[in-house]
N, C-alpha and C. Protein backbone atom coordinates (compact mmCIF):
# COMPACT_ATOMS: atom_id res chain seq x y z
N UNK A 1 0.84 -1.17 0.00
CA UNK A 1 0.00 0.00 0.00
C UNK A 1 0.89 1.24 0.00
N UNK A 2 0.42 2.30 -0.55
CA UNK A 2 1.27 3.48 -0.67
C UNK A 2 1.33 4.29 0.61
N UNK A 3 0.35 4.11 1.50
CA UNK A 3 0.35 4.96 2.68
C UNK A 3 0.28 4.19 4.01
N UNK A 4 0.35 2.88 3.97
CA UNK A 4 0.38 2.12 5.21
C UNK A 4 0.90 0.70 4.97
N UNK A 5 1.17 0.02 6.05
CA UNK A 5 1.74 -1.32 6.01
C UNK A 5 0.80 -2.27 6.75
N UNK A 6 0.65 -3.48 6.24
CA UNK A 6 -0.13 -4.51 6.93
C UNK A 6 0.79 -5.68 7.27
N UNK A 7 0.65 -6.19 8.48
CA UNK A 7 1.37 -7.38 8.90
C UNK A 7 0.37 -8.31 9.58
N UNK A 8 0.63 -9.59 9.54
CA UNK A 8 -0.22 -10.57 10.24
C UNK A 8 0.72 -11.50 10.98
N UNK A 9 0.63 -11.51 12.29
CA UNK A 9 1.50 -12.40 13.05
C UNK A 9 0.90 -12.75 14.39
N UNK A 10 1.39 -13.85 14.95
CA UNK A 10 0.97 -14.31 16.26
C UNK A 10 1.89 -13.67 17.29
N UNK A 11 1.29 -13.14 18.34
CA UNK A 11 2.07 -12.54 19.40
C UNK A 11 2.20 -13.53 20.55
N UNK A 12 3.37 -13.56 21.17
CA UNK A 12 3.60 -14.51 22.25
C UNK A 12 3.32 -13.94 23.63
N UNK A 13 3.41 -12.64 23.76
CA UNK A 13 3.18 -11.99 25.05
C UNK A 13 2.56 -10.63 24.79
N UNK A 14 2.04 -10.04 25.85
CA UNK A 14 1.37 -8.74 25.70
C UNK A 14 2.28 -7.66 25.13
N UNK A 15 3.59 -7.76 25.34
CA UNK A 15 4.50 -6.70 24.90
C UNK A 15 5.10 -6.97 23.53
N UNK A 16 4.87 -8.14 22.95
CA UNK A 16 5.51 -8.50 21.69
C UNK A 16 5.24 -7.47 20.59
N UNK A 17 4.00 -7.11 20.39
CA UNK A 17 3.65 -6.18 19.33
C UNK A 17 4.26 -4.80 19.57
N UNK A 18 4.13 -4.30 20.77
CA UNK A 18 4.71 -2.98 21.07
C UNK A 18 6.21 -2.98 20.90
N UNK A 19 6.88 -4.05 21.34
CA UNK A 19 8.33 -4.13 21.19
C UNK A 19 8.72 -4.17 19.70
N UNK A 20 7.99 -4.95 18.91
CA UNK A 20 8.28 -5.03 17.48
C UNK A 20 8.07 -3.68 16.81
N UNK A 21 6.99 -3.02 17.14
CA UNK A 21 6.71 -1.73 16.52
C UNK A 21 7.70 -0.66 16.97
N UNK A 22 8.16 -0.76 18.21
CA UNK A 22 9.19 0.16 18.68
C UNK A 22 10.47 -0.02 17.85
N UNK A 23 10.84 -1.29 17.60
CA UNK A 23 12.02 -1.56 16.78
C UNK A 23 11.84 -0.99 15.38
N UNK A 24 10.67 -1.21 14.78
CA UNK A 24 10.42 -0.71 13.42
C UNK A 24 10.49 0.81 13.39
N UNK A 25 9.90 1.45 14.39
CA UNK A 25 9.85 2.92 14.35
C UNK A 25 11.16 3.57 14.77
N UNK A 26 12.08 2.80 15.33
CA UNK A 26 13.36 3.40 15.71
C UNK A 26 14.51 2.80 14.89
N UNK A 27 14.92 1.60 15.21
CA UNK A 27 16.08 0.98 14.55
C UNK A 27 15.88 0.85 13.05
N UNK A 28 14.77 0.28 12.63
CA UNK A 28 14.52 0.11 11.20
C UNK A 28 14.46 1.47 10.50
N UNK A 29 13.77 2.42 11.11
CA UNK A 29 13.63 3.74 10.50
C UNK A 29 14.99 4.42 10.33
N UNK A 30 15.85 4.30 11.34
CA UNK A 30 17.20 4.90 11.22
C UNK A 30 17.97 4.26 10.07
N UNK A 31 17.93 2.91 9.98
CA UNK A 31 18.64 2.22 8.90
C UNK A 31 18.07 2.59 7.54
N UNK A 32 16.75 2.61 7.45
CA UNK A 32 16.10 2.96 6.19
C UNK A 32 16.47 4.38 5.79
N UNK A 33 16.38 5.31 6.71
CA UNK A 33 16.71 6.70 6.42
C UNK A 33 18.16 6.85 5.96
N UNK A 34 19.06 6.13 6.60
CA UNK A 34 20.48 6.21 6.21
C UNK A 34 20.67 5.72 4.78
N UNK A 35 20.06 4.58 4.46
CA UNK A 35 20.18 4.05 3.10
C UNK A 35 19.50 4.93 2.06
N UNK A 36 18.41 5.58 2.45
CA UNK A 36 17.65 6.41 1.51
C UNK A 36 18.14 7.86 1.49
N UNK A 37 19.11 8.20 2.34
CA UNK A 37 19.62 9.57 2.37
C UNK A 37 18.59 10.56 2.89
N UNK A 38 17.79 10.13 3.84
CA UNK A 38 16.78 11.01 4.41
C UNK A 38 16.89 11.00 5.92
N UNK A 39 16.09 11.83 6.61
CA UNK A 39 16.12 11.90 8.07
C UNK A 39 14.71 12.15 8.57
N UNK A 40 14.55 12.06 9.87
CA UNK A 40 13.25 12.31 10.49
C UNK A 40 12.43 11.03 10.65
N UNK A 41 11.21 11.24 11.08
CA UNK A 41 10.30 10.11 11.29
C UNK A 41 9.97 9.43 9.97
N UNK A 42 9.90 8.11 10.02
CA UNK A 42 9.52 7.35 8.83
C UNK A 42 8.01 7.27 8.72
N UNK A 43 7.34 7.17 9.85
CA UNK A 43 5.88 7.02 9.88
C UNK A 43 5.26 8.27 10.49
N UNK A 44 4.12 8.67 9.96
CA UNK A 44 3.43 9.84 10.49
C UNK A 44 2.70 9.56 11.79
N UNK A 45 2.13 8.37 11.90
CA UNK A 45 1.31 8.10 13.08
C UNK A 45 1.70 6.84 13.80
N UNK A 46 1.06 6.62 14.92
CA UNK A 46 1.29 5.44 15.74
C UNK A 46 0.62 4.25 15.05
N UNK A 47 1.12 3.05 15.32
CA UNK A 47 0.53 1.86 14.72
C UNK A 47 -0.84 1.58 15.31
N UNK A 48 -1.61 0.85 14.58
CA UNK A 48 -2.96 0.46 14.98
C UNK A 48 -3.05 -1.05 14.76
N UNK A 49 -3.61 -1.77 15.71
CA UNK A 49 -3.69 -3.22 15.56
C UNK A 49 -5.10 -3.73 15.85
N UNK A 50 -5.37 -4.91 15.35
CA UNK A 50 -6.64 -5.59 15.57
C UNK A 50 -6.34 -6.98 16.10
N UNK A 51 -6.98 -7.36 17.18
CA UNK A 51 -6.81 -8.69 17.74
C UNK A 51 -7.85 -9.61 17.11
N UNK A 52 -7.36 -10.74 16.59
CA UNK A 52 -8.20 -11.64 15.80
C UNK A 52 -8.28 -13.01 16.44
N UNK A 53 -9.47 -13.58 16.45
CA UNK A 53 -9.65 -14.95 16.90
C UNK A 53 -9.09 -15.85 15.81
N UNK A 54 -8.01 -16.54 16.13
CA UNK A 54 -7.27 -17.23 15.07
C UNK A 54 -8.04 -18.36 14.42
N UNK A 55 -8.77 -19.15 15.16
CA UNK A 55 -9.41 -20.31 14.56
C UNK A 55 -10.54 -19.96 13.61
N UNK A 56 -11.17 -18.81 13.77
CA UNK A 56 -12.28 -18.45 12.90
C UNK A 56 -11.95 -17.37 11.88
N UNK A 57 -10.99 -16.49 12.16
CA UNK A 57 -10.74 -15.37 11.27
C UNK A 57 -9.33 -15.30 10.70
N UNK A 58 -8.52 -16.30 10.96
CA UNK A 58 -7.14 -16.28 10.48
C UNK A 58 -7.08 -16.17 8.96
N UNK A 59 -7.76 -17.07 8.25
CA UNK A 59 -7.69 -17.06 6.78
C UNK A 59 -8.38 -15.84 6.19
N UNK A 60 -9.46 -15.39 6.81
CA UNK A 60 -10.12 -14.17 6.31
C UNK A 60 -9.18 -12.98 6.46
N UNK A 61 -8.39 -12.97 7.52
CA UNK A 61 -7.43 -11.88 7.71
C UNK A 61 -6.32 -11.95 6.68
N UNK A 62 -5.83 -13.15 6.40
CA UNK A 62 -4.82 -13.31 5.34
C UNK A 62 -5.37 -12.80 4.02
N UNK A 63 -6.61 -13.19 3.71
CA UNK A 63 -7.23 -12.79 2.45
C UNK A 63 -7.42 -11.27 2.41
N UNK A 64 -7.82 -10.68 3.52
CA UNK A 64 -7.99 -9.23 3.59
C UNK A 64 -6.69 -8.53 3.20
N UNK A 65 -5.57 -9.01 3.75
CA UNK A 65 -4.28 -8.39 3.45
C UNK A 65 -3.90 -8.60 1.99
N UNK A 66 -4.12 -9.81 1.46
CA UNK A 66 -3.79 -10.09 0.06
C UNK A 66 -4.67 -9.29 -0.90
N UNK A 67 -5.92 -9.09 -0.54
CA UNK A 67 -6.85 -8.41 -1.45
C UNK A 67 -6.80 -6.89 -1.34
N UNK A 68 -6.15 -6.36 -0.31
CA UNK A 68 -6.12 -4.92 -0.11
C UNK A 68 -5.56 -4.17 -1.32
N UNK A 69 -4.39 -4.53 -1.86
CA UNK A 69 -3.90 -3.79 -3.04
C UNK A 69 -4.75 -4.05 -4.29
N UNK A 70 -5.38 -5.19 -4.38
CA UNK A 70 -6.27 -5.49 -5.51
C UNK A 70 -7.49 -4.57 -5.44
N UNK A 71 -8.10 -4.49 -4.28
CA UNK A 71 -9.29 -3.64 -4.10
C UNK A 71 -8.96 -2.16 -4.22
N UNK A 72 -7.70 -1.80 -3.96
CA UNK A 72 -7.28 -0.40 -4.10
C UNK A 72 -6.89 -0.07 -5.55
N UNK A 73 -6.97 -1.08 -6.45
CA UNK A 73 -6.64 -0.85 -7.85
C UNK A 73 -5.15 -0.79 -8.13
N UNK A 74 -4.33 -1.28 -7.22
CA UNK A 74 -2.88 -1.23 -7.39
C UNK A 74 -2.34 -2.47 -8.08
N UNK A 75 -3.16 -3.52 -8.15
CA UNK A 75 -2.77 -4.78 -8.80
C UNK A 75 -4.04 -5.52 -9.20
N UNK A 76 -3.92 -6.38 -10.19
CA UNK A 76 -5.08 -7.18 -10.62
C UNK A 76 -5.21 -8.42 -9.74
N UNK A 77 -4.07 -8.97 -9.33
CA UNK A 77 -4.05 -10.13 -8.44
C UNK A 77 -3.04 -9.87 -7.33
N UNK A 78 -3.16 -10.58 -6.20
CA UNK A 78 -2.17 -10.41 -5.13
C UNK A 78 -0.74 -10.74 -5.58
N UNK A 79 -0.59 -11.67 -6.50
CA UNK A 79 0.75 -12.02 -6.99
C UNK A 79 1.44 -10.85 -7.66
N UNK A 80 0.68 -9.96 -8.25
CA UNK A 80 1.26 -8.82 -8.98
C UNK A 80 1.74 -7.69 -8.09
N UNK A 81 1.28 -7.67 -6.84
CA UNK A 81 1.65 -6.57 -5.96
C UNK A 81 3.06 -6.81 -5.41
N UNK A 82 3.96 -5.92 -5.73
CA UNK A 82 5.39 -6.07 -5.42
C UNK A 82 5.67 -6.30 -3.94
N UNK A 83 4.94 -5.63 -3.06
CA UNK A 83 5.24 -5.66 -1.64
C UNK A 83 4.45 -6.73 -0.89
N UNK A 84 3.75 -7.56 -1.60
CA UNK A 84 2.96 -8.61 -0.97
C UNK A 84 3.82 -9.84 -0.67
N UNK A 85 3.47 -10.56 0.36
CA UNK A 85 4.12 -11.83 0.66
C UNK A 85 3.46 -12.99 -0.06
N UNK A 86 2.53 -12.68 -0.97
CA UNK A 86 1.75 -13.73 -1.62
C UNK A 86 2.61 -14.68 -2.45
N UNK A 87 3.61 -14.16 -3.14
CA UNK A 87 4.49 -15.04 -3.93
C UNK A 87 5.23 -16.01 -3.00
N UNK A 88 5.66 -15.51 -1.86
CA UNK A 88 6.35 -16.37 -0.89
C UNK A 88 5.39 -17.40 -0.31
N UNK A 89 4.14 -17.04 -0.19
CA UNK A 89 3.13 -18.00 0.25
C UNK A 89 2.94 -19.08 -0.81
N UNK A 90 2.78 -18.66 -2.05
CA UNK A 90 2.61 -19.62 -3.14
C UNK A 90 3.79 -20.58 -3.22
N UNK A 91 4.99 -20.04 -3.10
CA UNK A 91 6.21 -20.85 -3.21
C UNK A 91 6.59 -21.51 -1.89
N UNK A 92 5.84 -21.21 -0.86
CA UNK A 92 6.09 -21.68 0.50
C UNK A 92 7.55 -21.45 0.87
N UNK A 93 7.97 -20.21 0.70
CA UNK A 93 9.35 -19.80 0.96
C UNK A 93 9.52 -19.47 2.45
N UNK A 94 10.06 -20.41 3.20
CA UNK A 94 10.20 -20.23 4.64
C UNK A 94 11.34 -19.27 5.00
N UNK A 95 12.13 -18.88 4.02
CA UNK A 95 13.16 -17.86 4.28
C UNK A 95 12.52 -16.48 4.40
N UNK A 96 11.32 -16.32 3.84
CA UNK A 96 10.63 -15.04 3.85
C UNK A 96 9.47 -15.02 4.84
N UNK A 97 8.72 -16.10 4.91
CA UNK A 97 7.54 -16.17 5.77
C UNK A 97 7.63 -17.32 6.77
N UNK A 98 7.08 -17.09 7.94
CA UNK A 98 6.85 -18.17 8.90
C UNK A 98 5.41 -18.61 8.68
N UNK A 99 5.20 -19.88 8.49
CA UNK A 99 3.86 -20.38 8.17
C UNK A 99 3.12 -20.82 9.43
N UNK A 100 1.95 -20.27 9.62
CA UNK A 100 1.13 -20.57 10.78
C UNK A 100 0.67 -22.02 10.72
N UNK A 101 0.58 -22.70 11.85
CA UNK A 101 0.10 -24.09 11.85
C UNK A 101 -1.26 -24.28 11.18
N UNK A 102 -2.14 -23.30 11.28
CA UNK A 102 -3.44 -23.43 10.61
C UNK A 102 -3.28 -23.51 9.10
N UNK A 103 -2.33 -22.74 8.56
CA UNK A 103 -2.08 -22.81 7.12
C UNK A 103 -1.46 -24.15 6.76
N UNK A 104 -0.50 -24.59 7.55
CA UNK A 104 0.18 -25.86 7.27
C UNK A 104 -0.76 -27.06 7.40
N UNK A 105 -1.80 -26.93 8.21
CA UNK A 105 -2.80 -28.00 8.34
C UNK A 105 -3.75 -28.05 7.15
N UNK A 106 -3.63 -27.12 6.23
CA UNK A 106 -4.55 -27.02 5.09
C UNK A 106 -4.31 -28.02 3.97
N UNK A 107 -3.30 -28.85 4.07
CA UNK A 107 -3.03 -29.83 3.03
C UNK A 107 -1.75 -30.59 3.27
N UNK A 108 -1.58 -31.67 2.54
CA UNK A 108 -0.42 -32.55 2.72
C UNK A 108 0.86 -31.96 2.14
N UNK A 109 0.72 -31.05 1.17
CA UNK A 109 1.91 -30.47 0.54
C UNK A 109 1.62 -29.01 0.20
N UNK A 110 2.68 -28.32 -0.22
CA UNK A 110 2.58 -26.88 -0.50
C UNK A 110 1.52 -26.58 -1.56
N UNK A 111 1.45 -27.39 -2.61
CA UNK A 111 0.50 -27.13 -3.70
C UNK A 111 -0.94 -27.27 -3.21
N UNK A 112 -1.24 -28.27 -2.41
CA UNK A 112 -2.61 -28.45 -1.93
C UNK A 112 -2.99 -27.36 -0.93
N UNK A 113 -2.05 -26.93 -0.10
CA UNK A 113 -2.34 -25.83 0.84
C UNK A 113 -2.63 -24.55 0.08
N UNK A 114 -1.83 -24.28 -0.96
CA UNK A 114 -2.03 -23.06 -1.73
C UNK A 114 -3.35 -23.10 -2.49
N UNK A 115 -3.71 -24.24 -3.05
CA UNK A 115 -5.01 -24.38 -3.74
C UNK A 115 -6.16 -24.08 -2.79
N UNK A 116 -6.09 -24.64 -1.58
CA UNK A 116 -7.14 -24.38 -0.59
C UNK A 116 -7.20 -22.90 -0.26
N UNK A 117 -6.04 -22.28 -0.04
CA UNK A 117 -6.02 -20.86 0.27
C UNK A 117 -6.58 -20.03 -0.89
N UNK A 118 -6.24 -20.38 -2.11
CA UNK A 118 -6.75 -19.64 -3.27
C UNK A 118 -8.27 -19.75 -3.36
N UNK A 119 -8.84 -20.89 -2.99
CA UNK A 119 -10.30 -21.02 -2.96
C UNK A 119 -10.87 -20.08 -1.89
N UNK A 120 -10.25 -20.07 -0.72
CA UNK A 120 -10.69 -19.17 0.34
C UNK A 120 -10.53 -17.70 -0.08
N UNK A 121 -9.44 -17.41 -0.78
CA UNK A 121 -9.21 -16.05 -1.26
C UNK A 121 -10.30 -15.64 -2.26
N UNK A 122 -10.67 -16.56 -3.15
CA UNK A 122 -11.75 -16.28 -4.09
C UNK A 122 -13.07 -16.05 -3.38
N UNK A 123 -13.35 -16.85 -2.36
CA UNK A 123 -14.59 -16.67 -1.58
C UNK A 123 -14.58 -15.30 -0.91
N UNK A 124 -13.46 -14.92 -0.36
CA UNK A 124 -13.36 -13.62 0.31
C UNK A 124 -13.48 -12.48 -0.69
N UNK A 125 -12.92 -12.64 -1.88
CA UNK A 125 -13.01 -11.59 -2.92
C UNK A 125 -14.46 -11.37 -3.34
N UNK A 126 -15.29 -12.41 -3.24
CA UNK A 126 -16.70 -12.29 -3.62
C UNK A 126 -17.53 -11.58 -2.56
N UNK A 127 -17.01 -11.46 -1.35
CA UNK A 127 -17.74 -10.78 -0.27
C UNK A 127 -17.56 -9.27 -0.42
N UNK A 128 -18.50 -8.51 0.12
CA UNK A 128 -18.29 -7.06 0.14
C UNK A 128 -17.07 -6.73 1.00
N UNK A 129 -16.24 -5.80 0.57
CA UNK A 129 -15.03 -5.46 1.35
C UNK A 129 -15.40 -4.94 2.74
N UNK A 130 -14.65 -5.38 3.73
CA UNK A 130 -14.81 -4.92 5.11
C UNK A 130 -13.43 -4.57 5.63
N UNK A 131 -13.30 -3.44 6.27
CA UNK A 131 -12.00 -3.03 6.78
C UNK A 131 -11.78 -3.57 8.19
N UNK A 132 -10.64 -4.22 8.39
CA UNK A 132 -10.26 -4.64 9.73
C UNK A 132 -9.71 -3.46 10.52
N UNK A 133 -9.31 -2.41 9.83
CA UNK A 133 -8.68 -1.27 10.48
C UNK A 133 -9.65 -0.49 11.36
N UNK A 134 -10.93 -0.73 11.24
CA UNK A 134 -11.91 0.00 12.04
C UNK A 134 -12.32 -0.78 13.28
N UNK A 135 -11.78 -1.97 13.47
CA UNK A 135 -12.17 -2.82 14.58
C UNK A 135 -10.99 -3.09 15.49
N UNK A 136 -11.27 -3.25 16.77
CA UNK A 136 -10.23 -3.61 17.72
C UNK A 136 -10.15 -5.12 17.89
N UNK A 137 -11.30 -5.80 17.81
CA UNK A 137 -11.36 -7.24 17.99
C UNK A 137 -12.22 -7.84 16.89
N UNK A 138 -11.74 -8.93 16.28
CA UNK A 138 -12.47 -9.59 15.21
C UNK A 138 -12.59 -11.07 15.55
N UNK A 139 -13.81 -11.57 15.57
CA UNK A 139 -14.04 -12.97 15.88
C UNK A 139 -15.49 -13.21 16.21
N UNK A 140 -15.75 -14.34 16.83
CA UNK A 140 -17.12 -14.67 17.22
C UNK A 140 -17.59 -13.69 18.29
N UNK A 141 -18.90 -13.55 18.47
CA UNK A 141 -19.40 -12.64 19.52
C UNK A 141 -18.82 -12.95 20.90
N UNK A 142 -18.67 -14.25 21.22
CA UNK A 142 -18.10 -14.62 22.51
C UNK A 142 -16.66 -14.17 22.65
N UNK A 143 -15.89 -14.31 21.57
CA UNK A 143 -14.49 -13.89 21.57
C UNK A 143 -14.39 -12.38 21.75
N UNK A 144 -15.19 -11.64 20.98
CA UNK A 144 -15.15 -10.17 21.09
C UNK A 144 -15.51 -9.75 22.51
N UNK A 145 -16.50 -10.37 23.09
CA UNK A 145 -16.90 -10.06 24.47
C UNK A 145 -15.77 -10.36 25.45
N UNK A 146 -15.11 -11.51 25.29
CA UNK A 146 -13.98 -11.86 26.16
C UNK A 146 -12.85 -10.84 26.03
N UNK A 147 -12.56 -10.42 24.81
CA UNK A 147 -11.47 -9.46 24.60
C UNK A 147 -11.83 -8.09 25.17
N UNK A 148 -13.07 -7.68 24.97
CA UNK A 148 -13.50 -6.39 25.55
C UNK A 148 -13.37 -6.42 27.06
N UNK A 149 -13.72 -7.55 27.65
CA UNK A 149 -13.60 -7.70 29.09
C UNK A 149 -12.13 -7.75 29.51
N UNK A 150 -11.33 -8.53 28.78
CA UNK A 150 -9.91 -8.68 29.12
C UNK A 150 -9.18 -7.35 29.09
N UNK A 151 -9.47 -6.54 28.09
CA UNK A 151 -8.78 -5.27 27.94
C UNK A 151 -9.51 -4.10 28.60
N UNK A 152 -10.64 -4.39 29.24
CA UNK A 152 -11.35 -3.35 29.97
C UNK A 152 -11.95 -2.27 29.10
N UNK A 153 -12.37 -2.63 27.88
CA UNK A 153 -13.00 -1.63 27.02
C UNK A 153 -14.44 -1.45 27.45
N UNK A 154 -14.81 -0.24 27.73
CA UNK A 154 -16.19 0.07 28.10
C UNK A 154 -16.66 1.22 27.21
N UNK A 155 -17.89 1.10 26.72
CA UNK A 155 -18.41 2.17 25.87
C UNK A 155 -19.14 3.17 26.74
N UNK A 156 -18.67 4.40 26.74
CA UNK A 156 -19.28 5.46 27.53
C UNK A 156 -19.33 6.71 26.67
N UNK A 157 -20.51 7.21 26.49
CA UNK A 157 -20.71 8.44 25.71
C UNK A 157 -19.96 8.40 24.40
N UNK A 158 -20.14 7.29 23.64
CA UNK A 158 -19.55 7.11 22.32
C UNK A 158 -18.03 7.13 22.31
N UNK A 159 -17.41 6.88 23.45
CA UNK A 159 -15.95 6.78 23.50
C UNK A 159 -15.58 5.42 24.06
N UNK A 160 -14.44 4.92 23.64
CA UNK A 160 -13.91 3.69 24.23
C UNK A 160 -12.82 4.08 25.22
N UNK A 161 -12.93 3.54 26.42
CA UNK A 161 -11.96 3.84 27.47
C UNK A 161 -11.19 2.57 27.77
N UNK A 162 -9.90 2.65 27.76
CA UNK A 162 -9.07 1.46 27.92
C UNK A 162 -8.46 1.41 29.32
N UNK A 163 -8.66 0.26 29.98
CA UNK A 163 -8.02 -0.03 31.26
C UNK A 163 -7.31 -1.36 31.06
N UNK A 164 -5.99 -1.37 31.03
CA UNK A 164 -5.24 -2.57 30.69
C UNK A 164 -5.24 -3.57 31.84
N UNK A 165 -5.48 -4.84 31.48
CA UNK A 165 -5.34 -5.94 32.43
C UNK A 165 -4.37 -6.94 31.82
N UNK A 166 -3.46 -7.44 32.61
CA UNK A 166 -2.42 -8.35 32.14
C UNK A 166 -2.64 -9.73 32.75
N UNK A 167 -2.23 -10.77 32.02
CA UNK A 167 -2.17 -12.10 32.61
C UNK A 167 -3.18 -13.10 32.09
N UNK A 168 -4.18 -12.71 31.31
CA UNK A 168 -5.15 -13.66 30.79
C UNK A 168 -4.52 -14.51 29.70
N UNK A 169 -5.05 -15.71 29.52
CA UNK A 169 -4.57 -16.61 28.48
C UNK A 169 -4.92 -16.03 27.11
N UNK A 170 -3.93 -15.97 26.22
CA UNK A 170 -4.13 -15.41 24.89
C UNK A 170 -3.82 -16.46 23.83
N UNK A 171 -4.02 -17.75 24.14
CA UNK A 171 -3.61 -18.81 23.22
C UNK A 171 -4.42 -18.84 21.93
N UNK A 172 -5.62 -18.26 21.91
CA UNK A 172 -6.42 -18.29 20.69
C UNK A 172 -6.40 -16.97 19.94
N UNK A 173 -5.35 -16.18 20.13
CA UNK A 173 -5.29 -14.83 19.57
C UNK A 173 -4.13 -14.69 18.60
N UNK A 174 -4.41 -14.07 17.47
CA UNK A 174 -3.34 -13.57 16.61
C UNK A 174 -3.61 -12.10 16.41
N UNK A 175 -2.64 -11.41 15.91
CA UNK A 175 -2.78 -9.98 15.71
C UNK A 175 -2.67 -9.66 14.24
N UNK A 176 -3.62 -8.90 13.75
CA UNK A 176 -3.54 -8.42 12.37
C UNK A 176 -3.15 -6.97 12.44
N UNK A 177 -2.51 -6.53 11.46
CA UNK A 177 -2.03 -5.18 11.50
C UNK A 177 -0.54 -5.31 11.66
N UNK A 178 0.16 -4.43 12.19
CA UNK A 178 -0.39 -3.15 12.55
C UNK A 178 -0.55 -2.27 11.33
N UNK A 179 -1.46 -1.38 11.39
CA UNK A 179 -1.62 -0.41 10.32
C UNK A 179 -0.86 0.82 10.78
N UNK A 180 0.26 1.05 10.16
CA UNK A 180 1.12 2.17 10.55
C UNK A 180 0.75 3.34 9.66
N UNK A 181 0.68 4.51 10.26
CA UNK A 181 0.28 5.70 9.51
C UNK A 181 0.92 5.85 8.15
N UNK A 182 0.81 6.97 7.55
CA UNK A 182 1.33 7.21 6.21
C UNK A 182 2.86 7.24 6.22
N UNK A 183 3.45 6.73 5.15
CA UNK A 183 4.89 6.82 4.99
C UNK A 183 5.23 8.24 4.60
N UNK A 184 6.18 8.82 5.31
CA UNK A 184 6.59 10.19 4.98
C UNK A 184 7.48 10.17 3.75
N UNK A 185 7.34 11.15 2.92
CA UNK A 185 8.14 11.23 1.70
C UNK A 185 9.15 12.35 1.80
């Protein structure tokens, strides 16, 4: 995408995402700026993330990321988008991508897993587009309720108020995003 980045990964602890994003916004940005002959902030805004129930929304989230440049008119297929990991998914290139166990359970070999994913991608392409960037939690109603409770989100006067709670089991959670603000030019 020209103005933001999408990532999909499983977090191991509550601080994993923040630590990764801190590295990207500091160490990576310094290296990138040095190579590009530029200075200053690389990203305009803070990252935004969505917590996803992995067993029900993992593949839909993958498809959302793959279809984003297609729906934005930047490519005809996910394979054509230069910055997509889709080619590495097709080729099952483990030097580029770590493959989630749910994806690996999709077939006996790389070709059968990719065929299954392409069917799911086609099904998702036929649905009306929905943005994950507008949601904090994506999953079944029970999952969303558990996450709202876990993170202390309460709706008051059309605002969400966050009270962090640490220590709950997060074994069924993956994180989509983060959506990092616009790239500065």
